PDB file of all heavy atoms in Angstrom:
ATOM      1  N   VAL A   1       1.265  85.553 -81.811  1.00  0.00           N
ATOM      2  CA  VAL A   1      -0.086  86.128 -81.730  1.00  0.00           C
ATOM      3  C   VAL A   1      -0.109  87.429 -80.945  1.00  0.00           C
ATOM      4  O   VAL A   1      -1.154  88.056 -80.806  1.00  0.00           O
ATOM      5  CB  VAL A   1      -1.111  85.125 -81.140  1.00  0.00           C
ATOM      6  CG1 VAL A   1      -1.268  83.924 -82.042  1.00  0.00           C
ATOM      7  CG2 VAL A   1      -0.742  84.700 -79.742  1.00  0.00           C
ATOM      8  N   GLY A   2       1.048  87.837 -80.425  1.00  0.00           N
ATOM      9  CA  GLY A   2       1.155  89.132 -79.772  1.00  0.00           C
ATOM     10  C   GLY A   2       0.844  89.146 -78.288  1.00  0.00           C
ATOM     11  O   GLY A   2       0.752  90.207 -77.679  1.00  0.00           O
ATOM     12  N   ILE A   3       0.683  87.979 -77.671  1.00  0.00           N
ATOM     13  CA  ILE A   3       0.399  87.918 -76.234  1.00  0.00           C
ATOM     14  C   ILE A   3       1.669  88.163 -75.426  1.00  0.00           C
ATOM     15  O   ILE A   3       1.628  88.749 -74.351  1.00  0.00           O
ATOM     16  CB  ILE A   3      -0.237  86.553 -75.875  1.00  0.00           C
ATOM     17  CG1 ILE A   3      -1.607  86.452 -76.534  1.00  0.00           C
ATOM     18  CG2 ILE A   3      -0.334  86.364 -74.375  1.00  0.00           C
ATOM     19  CD1 ILE A   3      -2.277  85.111 -76.364  1.00  0.00           C
ATOM     20  N   LEU A   4       2.801  87.736 -75.951  1.00  0.00           N
ATOM     21  CA  LEU A   4       4.087  87.875 -75.278  1.00  0.00           C
ATOM     22  C   LEU A   4       4.915  88.913 -76.045  1.00  0.00           C
ATOM     23  O   LEU A   4       5.641  88.575 -76.967  1.00  0.00           O
ATOM     24  CB  LEU A   4       4.805  86.525 -75.265  1.00  0.00           C
ATOM     25  CG  LEU A   4       5.801  86.253 -74.171  1.00  0.00           C
ATOM     26  CD1 LEU A   4       5.104  86.177 -72.821  1.00  0.00           C
ATOM     27  CD2 LEU A   4       6.525  84.966 -74.432  1.00  0.00           C
ATOM     28  N   PRO A   5       4.799  90.183 -75.664  1.00  0.00           N
ATOM     29  CA  PRO A   5       5.494  91.238 -76.419  1.00  0.00           C
ATOM     30  C   PRO A   5       6.968  91.355 -76.037  1.00  0.00           C
ATOM     31  O   PRO A   5       7.439  90.684 -75.129  1.00  0.00           O
ATOM     32  CB  PRO A   5       4.736  92.498 -76.006  1.00  0.00           C
ATOM     33  CG  PRO A   5       4.262  92.209 -74.626  1.00  0.00           C
ATOM     34  CD  PRO A   5       3.985  90.729 -74.592  1.00  0.00           C
ATOM     35  N   GLY A   6       7.673  92.224 -76.737  1.00  0.00           N
ATOM     36  CA  GLY A   6       9.046  92.526 -76.388  1.00  0.00           C
ATOM     37  C   GLY A   6      10.081  91.809 -77.221  1.00  0.00           C
ATOM     38  O   GLY A   6      11.230  91.696 -76.817  1.00  0.00           O
ATOM     39  N   SER A   7       9.696  91.316 -78.372  1.00  0.00           N
ATOM     40  CA  SER A   7      10.615  90.594 -79.231  1.00  0.00           C
ATOM     41  C   SER A   7      10.340  90.971 -80.676  1.00  0.00           C
ATOM     42  O   SER A   7       9.241  91.431 -81.009  1.00  0.00           O
ATOM     43  CB  SER A   7      10.420  89.089 -79.035  1.00  0.00           C
ATOM     44  OG  SER A   7      11.115  88.361 -80.019  1.00  0.00           O
ATOM     45  N   VAL A   8      11.324  90.754 -81.537  1.00  0.00           N
ATOM     46  CA  VAL A   8      11.090  90.990 -82.961  1.00  0.00           C
ATOM     47  C   VAL A   8      10.113  89.967 -83.526  1.00  0.00           C
ATOM     48  O   VAL A   8       9.564  90.160 -84.607  1.00  0.00           O
ATOM     49  CB  VAL A   8      12.411  90.969 -83.770  1.00  0.00           C
ATOM     50  CG1 VAL A   8      13.310  92.101 -83.363  1.00  0.00           C
ATOM     51  CG2 VAL A   8      13.123  89.645 -83.619  1.00  0.00           C
ATOM     52  N   MET A   9       9.881  88.895 -82.793  1.00  0.00           N
ATOM     53  CA  MET A   9       8.935  87.865 -83.217  1.00  0.00           C
ATOM     54  C   MET A   9       7.495  88.215 -82.834  1.00  0.00           C
ATOM     55  O   MET A   9       6.557  87.586 -83.319  1.00  0.00           O
ATOM     56  CB  MET A   9       9.316  86.520 -82.578  1.00  0.00           C
ATOM     57  CG  MET A   9      10.662  86.007 -83.033  1.00  0.00           C
ATOM     58  SD  MET A   9      11.357  84.696 -82.009  1.00  0.00           S
ATOM     59  CE  MET A   9      10.110  83.479 -82.001  1.00  0.00           C
ATOM     60  N   SER A  10       7.313  89.203 -81.996  1.00  0.00           N
ATOM     61  CA  SER A  10       5.982  89.572 -81.511  1.00  0.00           C
ATOM     62  C   SER A  10       5.116  90.106 -82.643  1.00  0.00           C
ATOM     63  O   SER A  10       5.510  91.011 -83.370  1.00  0.00           O
ATOM     64  CB  SER A  10       6.082  90.621 -80.409  1.00  0.00           C
ATOM     65  OG  SER A  10       6.757  90.086 -79.304  1.00  0.00           O
ATOM     66  N   GLY A  11       3.954  89.516 -82.784  1.00  0.00           N
ATOM     67  CA  GLY A  11       2.998  89.956 -83.780  1.00  0.00           C
ATOM     68  C   GLY A  11       3.294  89.495 -85.198  1.00  0.00           C
ATOM     69  O   GLY A  11       2.631  89.911 -86.132  1.00  0.00           O
ATOM     70  N   VAL A  12       4.266  88.603 -85.377  1.00  0.00           N
ATOM     71  CA  VAL A  12       4.619  88.099 -86.705  1.00  0.00           C
ATOM     72  C   VAL A  12       3.896  86.770 -86.923  1.00  0.00           C
ATOM     73  O   VAL A  12       4.058  85.819 -86.167  1.00  0.00           O
ATOM     74  CB  VAL A  12       6.151  87.911 -86.845  1.00  0.00           C
ATOM     75  CG1 VAL A  12       6.501  87.356 -88.209  1.00  0.00           C
ATOM     76  CG2 VAL A  12       6.860  89.233 -86.598  1.00  0.00           C
ATOM     77  N   THR A  13       3.097  86.719 -87.979  1.00  0.00           N
ATOM     78  CA  THR A  13       2.258  85.547 -88.250  1.00  0.00           C
ATOM     79  C   THR A  13       3.071  84.269 -88.422  1.00  0.00           C
ATOM     80  O   THR A  13       2.605  83.189 -88.048  1.00  0.00           O
ATOM     81  CB  THR A  13       1.410  85.798 -89.513  1.00  0.00           C
ATOM     82  OG1 THR A  13       0.703  87.020 -89.347  1.00  0.00           O
ATOM     83  CG2 THR A  13       0.429  84.683 -89.751  1.00  0.00           C
ATOM     84  N   LEU A  14       4.266  84.369 -88.975  1.00  0.00           N
ATOM     85  CA  LEU A  14       5.098  83.183 -89.181  1.00  0.00           C
ATOM     86  C   LEU A  14       5.276  82.405 -87.883  1.00  0.00           C
ATOM     87  O   LEU A  14       5.161  81.175 -87.860  1.00  0.00           O
ATOM     88  CB  LEU A  14       6.471  83.583 -89.739  1.00  0.00           C
ATOM     89  CG  LEU A  14       7.501  82.457 -89.827  1.00  0.00           C
ATOM     90  CD1 LEU A  14       7.092  81.455 -90.899  1.00  0.00           C
ATOM     91  CD2 LEU A  14       8.881  83.006 -90.087  1.00  0.00           C
ATOM     92  N   TRP A  15       5.528  83.110 -86.783  1.00  0.00           N
ATOM     93  CA  TRP A  15       5.761  82.436 -85.503  1.00  0.00           C
ATOM     94  C   TRP A  15       4.473  81.901 -84.902  1.00  0.00           C
ATOM     95  O   TRP A  15       4.510  80.941 -84.126  1.00  0.00           O
ATOM     96  CB  TRP A  15       6.494  83.360 -84.537  1.00  0.00           C
ATOM     97  CG  TRP A  15       7.816  83.734 -85.112  1.00  0.00           C
ATOM     98  CD1 TRP A  15       8.184  84.957 -85.574  1.00  0.00           C
ATOM     99  CD2 TRP A  15       8.913  82.867 -85.365  1.00  0.00           C
ATOM    100  NE1 TRP A  15       9.455  84.901 -86.088  1.00  0.00           N
ATOM    101  CE2 TRP A  15       9.929  83.623 -85.967  1.00  0.00           C
ATOM    102  CE3 TRP A  15       9.147  81.518 -85.129  1.00  0.00           C
ATOM    103  CZ2 TRP A  15      11.147  83.076 -86.343  1.00  0.00           C
ATOM    104  CZ3 TRP A  15      10.368  80.982 -85.502  1.00  0.00           C
ATOM    105  CH2 TRP A  15      11.351  81.751 -86.100  1.00  0.00           C
ATOM    106  N   ALA A  16       3.342  82.485 -85.263  1.00  0.00           N
ATOM    107  CA  ALA A  16       2.051  81.958 -84.822  1.00  0.00           C
ATOM    108  C   ALA A  16       1.730  80.648 -85.537  1.00  0.00           C
ATOM    109  O   ALA A  16       0.905  79.865 -85.066  1.00  0.00           O
ATOM    110  CB  ALA A  16       0.953  82.978 -85.076  1.00  0.00           C
ATOM    111  N   ILE A  17       2.382  80.395 -86.667  1.00  0.00           N
ATOM    112  CA  ILE A  17       2.185  79.149 -87.417  1.00  0.00           C
ATOM    113  C   ILE A  17       3.251  78.120 -87.040  1.00  0.00           C
ATOM    114  O   ILE A  17       2.947  76.952 -86.799  1.00  0.00           O
ATOM    115  CB  ILE A  17       2.220  79.431 -88.933  1.00  0.00           C
ATOM    116  CG1 ILE A  17       1.031  80.318 -89.315  1.00  0.00           C
ATOM    117  CG2 ILE A  17       2.213  78.133 -89.733  1.00  0.00           C
ATOM    118  CD1 ILE A  17       1.110  80.876 -90.722  1.00  0.00           C
ATOM    119  N   VAL A  18       4.514  78.555 -86.977  1.00  0.00           N
ATOM    120  CA  VAL A  18       5.620  77.645 -86.682  1.00  0.00           C
ATOM    121  C   VAL A  18       5.566  77.155 -85.231  1.00  0.00           C
ATOM    122  O   VAL A  18       5.868  75.989 -84.953  1.00  0.00           O
ATOM    123  CB  VAL A  18       6.976  78.328 -86.978  1.00  0.00           C
ATOM    124  CG1 VAL A  18       8.140  77.477 -86.522  1.00  0.00           C
ATOM    125  CG2 VAL A  18       7.098  78.640 -88.462  1.00  0.00           C
ATOM    126  N   GLY A  19       5.179  78.019 -84.311  1.00  0.00           N
ATOM    127  CA  GLY A  19       5.148  77.673 -82.898  1.00  0.00           C
ATOM    128  C   GLY A  19       4.326  76.435 -82.570  1.00  0.00           C
ATOM    129  O   GLY A  19       4.838  75.507 -81.927  1.00  0.00           O
ATOM    130  N   PRO A  20       3.060  76.387 -83.004  1.00  0.00           N
ATOM    131  CA  PRO A  20       2.273  75.181 -82.694  1.00  0.00           C
ATOM    132  C   PRO A  20       2.816  73.917 -83.345  1.00  0.00           C
ATOM    133  O   PRO A  20       2.729  72.834 -82.765  1.00  0.00           O
ATOM    134  CB  PRO A  20       0.878  75.505 -83.250  1.00  0.00           C
ATOM    135  CG  PRO A  20       0.837  76.978 -83.362  1.00  0.00           C
ATOM    136  CD  PRO A  20       2.244  77.430 -83.586  1.00  0.00           C
ATOM    137  N   ILE A  21       3.417  74.061 -84.519  1.00  0.00           N
ATOM    138  CA  ILE A  21       4.004  72.888 -85.179  1.00  0.00           C
ATOM    139  C   ILE A  21       5.156  72.346 -84.344  1.00  0.00           C
ATOM    140  O   ILE A  21       5.250  71.134 -84.098  1.00  0.00           O
ATOM    141  CB  ILE A  21       4.466  73.254 -86.610  1.00  0.00           C
ATOM    142  CG1 ILE A  21       3.260  73.596 -87.475  1.00  0.00           C
ATOM    143  CG2 ILE A  21       5.278  72.120 -87.227  1.00  0.00           C
ATOM    144  CD1 ILE A  21       3.604  74.219 -88.819  1.00  0.00           C
ATOM    145  N   VAL A  22       6.015  73.230 -83.881  1.00  0.00           N
ATOM    146  CA  VAL A  22       7.149  72.814 -83.042  1.00  0.00           C
ATOM    147  C   VAL A  22       6.637  72.212 -81.729  1.00  0.00           C
ATOM    148  O   VAL A  22       7.160  71.205 -81.259  1.00  0.00           O
ATOM    149  CB  VAL A  22       8.098  74.005 -82.786  1.00  0.00           C
ATOM    150  CG1 VAL A  22       9.157  73.658 -81.745  1.00  0.00           C
ATOM    151  CG2 VAL A  22       8.755  74.453 -84.080  1.00  0.00           C
ATOM    152  N   ALA A  23       5.600  72.812 -81.155  1.00  0.00           N
ATOM    153  CA  ALA A  23       5.046  72.304 -79.900  1.00  0.00           C
ATOM    154  C   ALA A  23       4.471  70.892 -80.081  1.00  0.00           C
ATOM    155  O   ALA A  23       4.682  70.022 -79.227  1.00  0.00           O
ATOM    156  CB  ALA A  23       3.973  73.257 -79.369  1.00  0.00           C
ATOM    157  N   VAL A  24       3.787  70.663 -81.183  1.00  0.00           N
ATOM    158  CA  VAL A  24       3.203  69.340 -81.436  1.00  0.00           C
ATOM    159  C   VAL A  24       4.305  68.300 -81.656  1.00  0.00           C
ATOM    160  O   VAL A  24       4.213  67.169 -81.159  1.00  0.00           O
ATOM    161  CB  VAL A  24       2.220  69.392 -82.631  1.00  0.00           C
ATOM    162  CG1 VAL A  24       1.850  68.009 -83.113  1.00  0.00           C
ATOM    163  CG2 VAL A  24       0.980  70.175 -82.249  1.00  0.00           C
ATOM    164  N   VAL A  25       5.354  68.676 -82.370  1.00  0.00           N
ATOM    165  CA  VAL A  25       6.484  67.764 -82.551  1.00  0.00           C
ATOM    166  C   VAL A  25       7.109  67.432 -81.191  1.00  0.00           C
ATOM    167  O   VAL A  25       7.425  66.275 -80.912  1.00  0.00           O
ATOM    168  CB  VAL A  25       7.534  68.369 -83.509  1.00  0.00           C
ATOM    169  CG1 VAL A  25       8.824  67.569 -83.499  1.00  0.00           C
ATOM    170  CG2 VAL A  25       6.981  68.452 -84.929  1.00  0.00           C
ATOM    171  N   GLY A  26       7.251  68.443 -80.343  1.00  0.00           N
ATOM    172  CA  GLY A  26       7.787  68.219 -79.005  1.00  0.00           C
ATOM    173  C   GLY A  26       6.919  67.274 -78.191  1.00  0.00           C
ATOM    174  O   GLY A  26       7.429  66.365 -77.534  1.00  0.00           O
ATOM    175  N   LEU A  27       5.622  67.482 -78.231  1.00  0.00           N
ATOM    176  CA  LEU A  27       4.720  66.594 -77.497  1.00  0.00           C
ATOM    177  C   LEU A  27       4.761  65.175 -78.056  1.00  0.00           C
ATOM    178  O   LEU A  27       4.655  64.198 -77.305  1.00  0.00           O
ATOM    179  CB  LEU A  27       3.292  67.144 -77.532  1.00  0.00           C
ATOM    180  CG  LEU A  27       3.077  68.438 -76.751  1.00  0.00           C
ATOM    181  CD1 LEU A  27       1.649  68.950 -76.968  1.00  0.00           C
ATOM    182  CD2 LEU A  27       3.356  68.236 -75.283  1.00  0.00           C
ATOM    183  N   GLY A  28       4.935  65.060 -79.363  1.00  0.00           N
ATOM    184  CA  GLY A  28       5.083  63.742 -79.976  1.00  0.00           C
ATOM    185  C   GLY A  28       6.331  63.035 -79.481  1.00  0.00           C
ATOM    186  O   GLY A  28       6.311  61.826 -79.204  1.00  0.00           O
ATOM    187  N   LEU A  29       7.435  63.772 -79.359  1.00  0.00           N
ATOM    188  CA  LEU A  29       8.660  63.178 -78.828  1.00  0.00           C
ATOM    189  C   LEU A  29       8.493  62.748 -77.371  1.00  0.00           C
ATOM    190  O   LEU A  29       8.996  61.691 -76.975  1.00  0.00           O
ATOM    191  CB  LEU A  29       9.822  64.169 -78.949  1.00  0.00           C
ATOM    192  CG  LEU A  29      10.397  64.382 -80.338  1.00  0.00           C
ATOM    193  CD1 LEU A  29      11.482  65.454 -80.296  1.00  0.00           C
ATOM    194  CD2 LEU A  29      10.947  63.102 -80.909  1.00  0.00           C
ATOM    195  N   VAL A  30       7.799  63.554 -76.589  1.00  0.00           N
ATOM    196  CA  VAL A  30       7.531  63.178 -75.199  1.00  0.00           C
ATOM    197  C   VAL A  30       6.726  61.877 -75.159  1.00  0.00           C
ATOM    198  O   VAL A  30       7.053  60.949 -74.417  1.00  0.00           O
ATOM    199  CB  VAL A  30       6.785  64.304 -74.446  1.00  0.00           C
ATOM    200  CG1 VAL A  30       6.290  63.810 -73.095  1.00  0.00           C
ATOM    201  CG2 VAL A  30       7.682  65.517 -74.279  1.00  0.00           C
ATOM    202  N   GLY A  31       5.685  61.806 -75.960  1.00  0.00           N
ATOM    203  CA  GLY A  31       4.865  60.594 -76.011  1.00  0.00           C
ATOM    204  C   GLY A  31       5.653  59.384 -76.457  1.00  0.00           C
ATOM    205  O   GLY A  31       5.507  58.289 -75.899  1.00  0.00           O
ATOM    206  N   TRP A  32       6.500  59.571 -77.455  1.00  0.00           N
ATOM    207  CA  TRP A  32       7.328  58.480 -77.958  1.00  0.00           C
ATOM    208  C   TRP A  32       8.319  58.017 -76.893  1.00  0.00           C
ATOM    209  O   TRP A  32       8.521  56.814 -76.693  1.00  0.00           O
ATOM    210  CB  TRP A  32       8.047  58.927 -79.220  1.00  0.00           C
ATOM    211  CG  TRP A  32       8.780  57.846 -79.958  1.00  0.00           C
ATOM    212  CD1 TRP A  32       8.495  56.510 -79.978  1.00  0.00           C
ATOM    213  CD2 TRP A  32       9.929  58.016 -80.778  1.00  0.00           C
ATOM    214  NE1 TRP A  32       9.389  55.858 -80.768  1.00  0.00           N
ATOM    215  CE2 TRP A  32      10.285  56.751 -81.275  1.00  0.00           C
ATOM    216  CE3 TRP A  32      10.680  59.117 -81.143  1.00  0.00           C
ATOM    217  CZ2 TRP A  32      11.367  56.560 -82.117  1.00  0.00           C
ATOM    218  CZ3 TRP A  32      11.758  58.920 -81.994  1.00  0.00           C
ATOM    219  CH2 TRP A  32      12.091  57.663 -82.474  1.00  0.00           C
ATOM    220  N   GLY A  33       8.923  58.964 -76.198  1.00  0.00           N
ATOM    221  CA  GLY A  33       9.853  58.612 -75.129  1.00  0.00           C
ATOM    222  C   GLY A  33       9.178  57.861 -73.996  1.00  0.00           C
ATOM    223  O   GLY A  33       9.720  56.881 -73.474  1.00  0.00           O
ATOM    224  N   ILE A  34       7.979  58.285 -73.631  1.00  0.00           N
ATOM    225  CA  ILE A  34       7.235  57.598 -72.564  1.00  0.00           C
ATOM    226  C   ILE A  34       6.831  56.204 -73.015  1.00  0.00           C
ATOM    227  O   ILE A  34       6.927  55.239 -72.259  1.00  0.00           O
ATOM    228  CB  ILE A  34       6.019  58.437 -72.132  1.00  0.00           C
ATOM    229  CG1 ILE A  34       6.495  59.697 -71.398  1.00  0.00           C
ATOM    230  CG2 ILE A  34       5.069  57.620 -71.257  1.00  0.00           C
ATOM    231  CD1 ILE A  34       5.399  60.697 -71.102  1.00  0.00           C
ATOM    232  N   ALA A  35       6.392  56.069 -74.262  1.00  0.00           N
ATOM    233  CA  ALA A  35       5.996  54.764 -74.778  1.00  0.00           C
ATOM    234  C   ALA A  35       7.186  53.810 -74.812  1.00  0.00           C
ATOM    235  O   ALA A  35       7.056  52.629 -74.461  1.00  0.00           O
ATOM    236  CB  ALA A  35       5.398  54.912 -76.173  1.00  0.00           C
ATOM    237  N   ARG A  36       8.348  54.303 -75.211  1.00  0.00           N
ATOM    238  CA  ARG A  36       9.544  53.456 -75.240  1.00  0.00           C
ATOM    239  C   ARG A  36       9.937  53.037 -73.829  1.00  0.00           C
ATOM    240  O   ARG A  36      10.396  51.921 -73.601  1.00  0.00           O
ATOM    241  CB  ARG A  36      10.707  54.195 -75.893  1.00  0.00           C
ATOM    242  CG  ARG A  36      10.579  54.280 -77.392  1.00  0.00           C
ATOM    243  CD  ARG A  36      11.747  54.983 -77.981  1.00  0.00           C
ATOM    244  NE  ARG A  36      12.973  54.253 -77.609  1.00  0.00           N
ATOM    245  CZ  ARG A  36      13.993  54.051 -78.428  1.00  0.00           C
ATOM    246  NH1 ARG A  36      13.936  54.521 -79.640  1.00  0.00           N
ATOM    247  NH2 ARG A  36      15.055  53.400 -78.024  1.00  0.00           N
ATOM    248  N   GLN A  37       9.758  53.945 -72.877  1.00  0.00           N
ATOM    249  CA  GLN A  37      10.102  53.640 -71.498  1.00  0.00           C
ATOM    250  C   GLN A  37       9.176  52.558 -70.945  1.00  0.00           C
ATOM    251  O   GLN A  37       9.618  51.643 -70.267  1.00  0.00           O
ATOM    252  CB  GLN A  37       9.999  54.912 -70.651  1.00  0.00           C
ATOM    253  CG  GLN A  37      10.568  54.786 -69.281  1.00  0.00           C
ATOM    254  CD  GLN A  37      10.601  56.123 -68.566  1.00  0.00           C
ATOM    255  OE1 GLN A  37       9.920  57.057 -68.958  1.00  0.00           O
ATOM    256  NE2 GLN A  37      11.408  56.209 -67.552  1.00  0.00           N
ATOM    257  N   ARG A  38       7.897  52.661 -71.238  1.00  0.00           N
ATOM    258  CA  ARG A  38       6.940  51.661 -70.745  1.00  0.00           C
ATOM    259  C   ARG A  38       7.182  50.310 -71.408  1.00  0.00           C
ATOM    260  O   ARG A  38       7.030  49.282 -70.773  1.00  0.00           O
ATOM    261  CB  ARG A  38       5.515  52.122 -71.024  1.00  0.00           C
ATOM    262  CG  ARG A  38       5.068  53.213 -70.110  1.00  0.00           C
ATOM    263  CD  ARG A  38       3.624  53.564 -70.332  1.00  0.00           C
ATOM    264  NE  ARG A  38       3.220  54.651 -69.457  1.00  0.00           N
ATOM    265  CZ  ARG A  38       2.124  55.333 -69.616  1.00  0.00           C
ATOM    266  NH1 ARG A  38       1.288  55.062 -70.581  1.00  0.00           N
ATOM    267  NH2 ARG A  38       1.829  56.313 -68.781  1.00  0.00           N
ATOM    268  N   ARG A  39       7.494  50.328 -72.719  1.00  0.00           N
ATOM    269  CA  ARG A  39       7.729  49.096 -73.440  1.00  0.00           C
ATOM    270  C   ARG A  39       8.951  48.353 -72.905  1.00  0.00           C
ATOM    271  O   ARG A  39       8.977  47.131 -72.846  1.00  0.00           O
ATOM    272  CB  ARG A  39       7.923  49.391 -74.929  1.00  0.00           C
ATOM    273  CG  ARG A  39       7.039  48.542 -75.783  1.00  0.00           C
ATOM    274  CD  ARG A  39       7.204  48.811 -77.251  1.00  0.00           C
ATOM    275  NE  ARG A  39       6.601  50.105 -77.595  1.00  0.00           N
ATOM    276  CZ  ARG A  39       7.127  50.970 -78.441  1.00  0.00           C
ATOM    277  NH1 ARG A  39       8.253  50.722 -79.049  1.00  0.00           N
ATOM    278  NH2 ARG A  39       6.522  52.107 -78.695  1.00  0.00           N
ATOM    279  N   SER A  40       9.982  49.105 -72.511  1.00  0.00           N
ATOM    280  CA  SER A  40      11.201  48.446 -72.022  1.00  0.00           C
ATOM    281  C   SER A  40      11.005  47.855 -70.631  1.00  0.00           C
ATOM    282  O   SER A  40      11.738  46.964 -70.227  1.00  0.00           O
ATOM    283  CB  SER A  40      12.363  49.443 -72.006  1.00  0.00           C
ATOM    284  OG  SER A  40      12.152  50.456 -71.052  1.00  0.00           O
TER     285      SER A  40
END
């Protein structure tokens, strides 16, 4: 989205779309790991 300049990725819409998807997958893994830890 252009907030963090200085890269070839800056201002490229593809990364504004892929970034949140990767972040949500990461948060899902964190949640899954915590749930498995509590279950054990």
